[in-house]
Amino acid sequence: MSNDYQRQVIDFYALRHDYDNDFTQARALKLVNYLYLQKSQSVLDVATGTGFIAISIAPKVKSVIGVDFTPEMIARAEKKLEALNIENIDLINADIAAIDFAESSFDLITCSLAIALFPDIPQVLAKWYQWLKKGGSIAYRLPKLQL
């Protein structure tokens, strides 16, 4: 991701102090309704933000890694994990495009709404598919476009 574009996205979300509201949570959690979750699964939640998806699915899976490149969002997610005493979520503050997980690391990769922010979505998806275990799934939601 280009540094200028990345900086703009980080700055925008860093200033979103109202991000943890019912509307944002409801939009993100719609994705959870479509997930087939099992206690043995390892999950990657891309653009985890303040952890809506990760926190929602953590009790139903083995482990979750939440990645977001906005330090303020990760800090808010860490506070939630501490308050809820959730121990099977690891948070990483990084650009997902700069991370290299081992092949076949995850049973499920989720990304709620933020996939539209990636400049090269096919490239990102190709990388994610490498990280999936055989039979794994990718689940994402695109934002509703207002025309």
C-alpha atoms as a PDB file:
ATOM      1  CA  MET A   1       0.000   0.000   0.000  1.00  0.00           C
ATOM      2  CA  SER A   2       1.386   3.407  -0.846  1.00  0.00           C
ATOM      3  CA  ASN A   3       2.635   5.408   2.102  1.00  0.00           C
ATOM      4  CA  ASP A   4       0.492   8.487   1.303  1.00  0.00           C
ATOM      5  CA  TYR A   5      -2.685   6.468   0.923  1.00  0.00           C
ATOM      6  CA  GLN A   6      -1.903   4.383   3.989  1.00  0.00           C
ATOM      7  CA  ARG A   7      -1.251   7.515   6.053  1.00  0.00           C
ATOM      8  CA  GLN A   8      -4.607   8.978   4.956  1.00  0.00           C
ATOM      9  CA  VAL A   9      -6.478   5.823   5.976  1.00  0.00           C
ATOM     10  CA  ILE A  10      -4.656   5.590   9.316  1.00  0.00           C
ATOM     11  CA  ASP A  11      -5.290   9.268  10.060  1.00  0.00           C
ATOM     12  CA  PHE A  12      -8.982   8.949   9.170  1.00  0.00           C
ATOM     13  CA  TYR A  13      -9.570   5.968  11.461  1.00  0.00           C
ATOM     14  CA  ALA A  14      -7.342   7.315  14.229  1.00  0.00           C
ATOM     15  CA  LEU A  15      -9.693  10.288  14.516  1.00  0.00           C
ATOM     16  CA  ARG A  16     -12.848   8.134  14.597  1.00  0.00           C
ATOM     17  CA  HIS A  17     -13.499   8.372  18.332  1.00  0.00           C
ATOM     18  CA  ASP A  18     -17.132   7.478  17.660  1.00  0.00           C
ATOM     19  CA  TYR A  19     -16.220   4.228  15.883  1.00  0.00           C
ATOM     20  CA  ASP A  20     -17.525   1.941  18.635  1.00  0.00           C
ATOM     21  CA  ASN A  21     -21.189   2.719  18.166  1.00  0.00           C
ATOM     22  CA  ASP A  22     -24.194   0.447  17.633  1.00  0.00           C
ATOM     23  CA  PHE A  23     -24.423   1.210  13.900  1.00  0.00           C
ATOM     24  CA  THR A  24     -20.779   0.363  13.161  1.00  0.00           C
ATOM     25  CA  GLN A  25     -20.952  -2.749  15.306  1.00  0.00           C
ATOM     26  CA  ALA A  26     -24.160  -3.970  13.642  1.00  0.00           C
ATOM     27  CA  ARG A  27     -22.671  -3.481  10.154  1.00  0.00           C
ATOM     28  CA  ALA A  28     -19.521  -5.390  11.072  1.00  0.00           C
ATOM     29  CA  LEU A  29     -21.277  -8.214  12.872  1.00  0.00           C
ATOM     30  CA  LYS A  30     -23.578  -9.022   9.926  1.00  0.00           C
ATOM     31  CA  LEU A  31     -20.643 -10.997   8.566  1.00  0.00           C
ATOM     32  CA  VAL A  32     -20.643 -13.293  11.619  1.00  0.00           C
ATOM     33  CA  ASN A  33     -24.113 -14.573  10.675  1.00  0.00           C
ATOM     34  CA  TYR A  34     -22.617 -16.223   7.585  1.00  0.00           C
ATOM     35  CA  LEU A  35     -19.637 -17.891   9.227  1.00  0.00           C
ATOM     36  CA  TYR A  36     -19.374 -21.613   9.893  1.00  0.00           C
ATOM     37  CA  LEU A  37     -17.376 -21.637  13.124  1.00  0.00           C
ATOM     38  CA  GLN A  38     -15.814 -24.601  14.891  1.00  0.00           C
ATOM     39  CA  LYS A  39     -13.868 -24.795  18.133  1.00  0.00           C
ATOM     40  CA  SER A  40     -10.801 -26.164  16.300  1.00  0.00           C
ATOM     41  CA  GLN A  41     -10.424 -23.197  13.928  1.00  0.00           C
ATOM     42  CA  SER A  42      -7.608 -20.673  13.724  1.00  0.00           C
ATOM     43  CA  VAL A  43      -8.910 -17.373  12.361  1.00  0.00           C
ATOM     44  CA  LEU A  44      -7.280 -14.268  10.913  1.00  0.00           C
ATOM     45  CA  ASP A  45      -9.379 -11.093  11.191  1.00  0.00           C
ATOM     46  CA  VAL A  46      -7.993  -8.549   8.728  1.00  0.00           C
ATOM     47  CA  ALA A  47      -8.561  -4.852   9.469  1.00  0.00           C
ATOM     48  CA  THR A  48      -9.860  -5.892  12.868  1.00  0.00           C
ATOM     49  CA  GLY A  49     -10.374  -2.287  13.964  1.00  0.00           C
ATOM     50  CA  THR A  50     -11.527  -2.297  17.563  1.00  0.00           C
ATOM     51  CA  GLY A  51     -12.171  -6.032  17.420  1.00  0.00           C
ATOM     52  CA  PHE A  52     -15.899  -6.413  16.716  1.00  0.00           C
ATOM     53  CA  ILE A  53     -15.509  -9.600  14.655  1.00  0.00           C
ATOM     54  CA  ALA A  54     -12.580 -11.047  16.613  1.00  0.00           C
ATOM     55  CA  ILE A  55     -14.349 -10.619  19.958  1.00  0.00           C
ATOM     56  CA  SER A  56     -17.619 -11.994  18.618  1.00  0.00           C
ATOM     57  CA  ILE A  57     -16.090 -15.202  17.270  1.00  0.00           C
ATOM     58  CA  ALA A  58     -13.377 -15.817  19.900  1.00  0.00           C
ATOM     59  CA  PRO A  59     -15.562 -18.004  22.169  1.00  0.00           C
ATOM     60  CA  LYS A  60     -16.464 -20.219  19.214  1.00  0.00           C
ATOM     61  CA  VAL A  61     -12.969 -20.875  17.790  1.00  0.00           C
ATOM     62  CA  LYS A  62      -9.519 -21.989  18.939  1.00  0.00           C
ATOM     63  CA  SER A  63      -7.684 -18.729  18.246  1.00  0.00           C
ATOM     64  CA  VAL A  64      -7.961 -15.397  16.457  1.00  0.00           C
ATOM     65  CA  ILE A  65      -5.276 -13.075  15.168  1.00  0.00           C
ATOM     66  CA  GLY A  66      -6.564  -9.563  14.574  1.00  0.00           C
ATOM     67  CA  VAL A  67      -4.464  -7.305  12.341  1.00  0.00           C
ATOM     68  CA  ASP A  68      -4.972  -3.583  11.839  1.00  0.00           C
ATOM     69  CA  PHE A  69      -2.574  -0.866  10.775  1.00  0.00           C
ATOM     70  CA  THR A  70      -4.166   1.877  12.878  1.00  0.00           C
ATOM     71  CA  PRO A  71      -2.465   1.988  16.305  1.00  0.00           C
ATOM     72  CA  GLU A  72      -5.454   3.725  17.903  1.00  0.00           C
ATOM     73  CA  MET A  73      -7.831   0.973  16.770  1.00  0.00           C
ATOM     74  CA  ILE A  74      -5.537  -1.751  18.117  1.00  0.00           C
ATOM     75  CA  ALA A  75      -5.245   0.122  21.430  1.00  0.00           C
ATOM     76  CA  ARG A  76      -9.044   0.218  21.737  1.00  0.00           C
ATOM     77  CA  ALA A  77      -9.287  -3.473  20.870  1.00  0.00           C
ATOM     78  CA  GLU A  78      -6.655  -4.307  23.526  1.00  0.00           C
ATOM     79  CA  LYS A  79      -8.723  -2.465  26.163  1.00  0.00           C
ATOM     80  CA  LYS A  80     -11.794  -4.471  25.182  1.00  0.00           C
ATOM     81  CA  LEU A  81      -9.897  -7.768  25.400  1.00  0.00           C
ATOM     82  CA  GLU A  82      -8.611  -6.860  28.835  1.00  0.00           C
ATOM     83  CA  ALA A  83     -12.043  -5.778  30.086  1.00  0.00           C
ATOM     84  CA  LEU A  84     -13.652  -8.954  28.734  1.00  0.00           C
ATOM     85  CA  ASN A  85     -10.769 -11.203  29.853  1.00  0.00           C
ATOM     86  CA  ILE A  86     -10.423 -12.743  26.383  1.00  0.00           C
ATOM     87  CA  GLU A  87      -7.189 -14.691  26.017  1.00  0.00           C
ATOM     88  CA  ASN A  88      -7.409 -16.415  22.630  1.00  0.00           C
ATOM     89  CA  ILE A  89      -7.029 -13.257  20.519  1.00  0.00           C
ATOM     90  CA  ASP A  90      -3.640 -11.878  19.524  1.00  0.00           C
ATOM     91  CA  LEU A  91      -3.565  -8.383  18.053  1.00  0.00           C
ATOM     92  CA  ILE A  92      -0.971  -7.159  15.587  1.00  0.00           C
ATOM     93  CA  ASN A  93      -0.525  -3.517  14.620  1.00  0.00           C
ATOM     94  CA  ALA A  94       0.723  -3.820  11.042  1.00  0.00           C
ATOM     95  CA  ASP A  95      -0.159  -3.443   7.380  1.00  0.00           C
ATOM     96  CA  ILE A  96      -1.556  -6.819   6.311  1.00  0.00           C
ATOM     97  CA  ALA A  97       0.251  -6.416   2.976  1.00  0.00           C
ATOM     98  CA  ALA A  98       3.581  -6.359   4.841  1.00  0.00           C
ATOM     99  CA  ILE A  99       2.970  -9.520   6.869  1.00  0.00           C
ATOM    100  CA  ASP A 100       3.952 -12.978   5.717  1.00  0.00           C
ATOM    101  CA  PHE A 101       2.180 -15.711   7.626  1.00  0.00           C
ATOM    102  CA  ALA A 102       3.152 -19.285   6.838  1.00  0.00           C
ATOM    103  CA  GLU A 103       1.168 -21.073   4.158  1.00  0.00           C
ATOM    104  CA  SER A 104      -1.826 -23.010   5.466  1.00  0.00           C
ATOM    105  CA  SER A 105      -1.971 -21.093   8.760  1.00  0.00           C
ATOM    106  CA  PHE A 106      -5.695 -20.351   8.997  1.00  0.00           C
ATOM    107  CA  ASP A 107      -9.020 -22.124   8.672  1.00  0.00           C
ATOM    108  CA  LEU A 108     -10.852 -18.838   8.152  1.00  0.00           C
ATOM    109  CA  ILE A 109      -9.920 -15.296   7.165  1.00  0.00           C
ATOM    110  CA  THR A 110     -12.433 -12.515   7.780  1.00  0.00           C
ATOM    111  CA  CYS A 111     -12.522  -8.878   6.736  1.00  0.00           C
ATOM    112  CA  SER A 112     -15.586  -6.769   7.409  1.00  0.00           C
ATOM    113  CA  LEU A 113     -16.021  -3.801   5.060  1.00  0.00           C
ATOM    114  CA  ALA A 114     -12.353  -2.751   4.895  1.00  0.00           C
ATOM    115  CA  ILE A 115     -11.531  -4.921   1.888  1.00  0.00           C
ATOM    116  CA  ALA A 116     -12.694  -2.022  -0.285  1.00  0.00           C
ATOM    117  CA  LEU A 117      -9.799   0.052   1.087  1.00  0.00           C
ATOM    118  CA  PHE A 118      -7.110  -2.177  -0.430  1.00  0.00           C
ATOM    119  CA  PRO A 119      -5.666  -0.671  -3.632  1.00  0.00           C
ATOM    120  CA  ASP A 120      -5.097  -4.126  -5.199  1.00  0.00           C
ATOM    121  CA  ILE A 121      -7.820  -6.468  -3.945  1.00  0.00           C
ATOM    122  CA  PRO A 122      -6.901  -9.425  -6.208  1.00  0.00           C
ATOM    123  CA  GLN A 123      -3.307  -9.292  -4.936  1.00  0.00           C
ATOM    124  CA  VAL A 124      -4.495  -9.233  -1.315  1.00  0.00           C
ATOM    125  CA  LEU A 125      -6.893 -12.126  -1.890  1.00  0.00           C
ATOM    126  CA  ALA A 126      -4.168 -14.190  -3.572  1.00  0.00           C
ATOM    127  CA  LYS A 127      -1.990 -13.723  -0.491  1.00  0.00           C
ATOM    128  CA  TRP A 128      -4.848 -14.675   1.832  1.00  0.00           C
ATOM    129  CA  TYR A 129      -5.541 -17.858  -0.130  1.00  0.00           C
ATOM    130  CA  GLN A 130      -1.936 -18.914   0.451  1.00  0.00           C
ATOM    131  CA  TRP A 131      -2.484 -18.558   4.187  1.00  0.00           C
ATOM    132  CA  LEU A 132      -5.588 -20.764   4.184  1.00  0.00           C
ATOM    133  CA  LYS A 133      -5.523 -24.385   5.163  1.00  0.00           C
ATOM    134  CA  LYS A 134      -7.011 -26.835   2.669  1.00  0.00           C
ATOM    135  CA  GLY A 135     -10.784 -26.434   2.830  1.00  0.00           C
ATOM    136  CA  GLY A 136     -10.491 -23.033   4.532  1.00  0.00           C
ATOM    137  CA  SER A 137     -12.656 -20.016   3.777  1.00  0.00           C
ATOM    138  CA  ILE A 138     -12.403 -16.283   3.259  1.00  0.00           C
ATOM    139  CA  ALA A 139     -15.354 -14.191   4.347  1.00  0.00           C
ATOM    140  CA  TYR A 140     -15.680 -10.481   3.704  1.00  0.00           C
ATOM    141  CA  ARG A 141     -18.349  -7.829   3.326  1.00  0.00           C
ATOM    142  CA  LEU A 142     -18.237  -5.015   0.846  1.00  0.00           C
ATOM    143  CA  PRO A 143     -19.665  -1.676   1.933  1.00  0.00           C
ATOM    144  CA  LYS A 144     -23.033  -0.768   0.485  1.00  0.00           C
ATOM    145  CA  LEU A 145     -22.554   1.723  -2.316  1.00  0.00           C
ATOM    146  CA  GLN A 146     -24.773   4.772  -2.442  1.00  0.00           C
ATOM    147  CA  LEU A 147     -25.366   5.725  -6.081  1.00  0.00           C
END
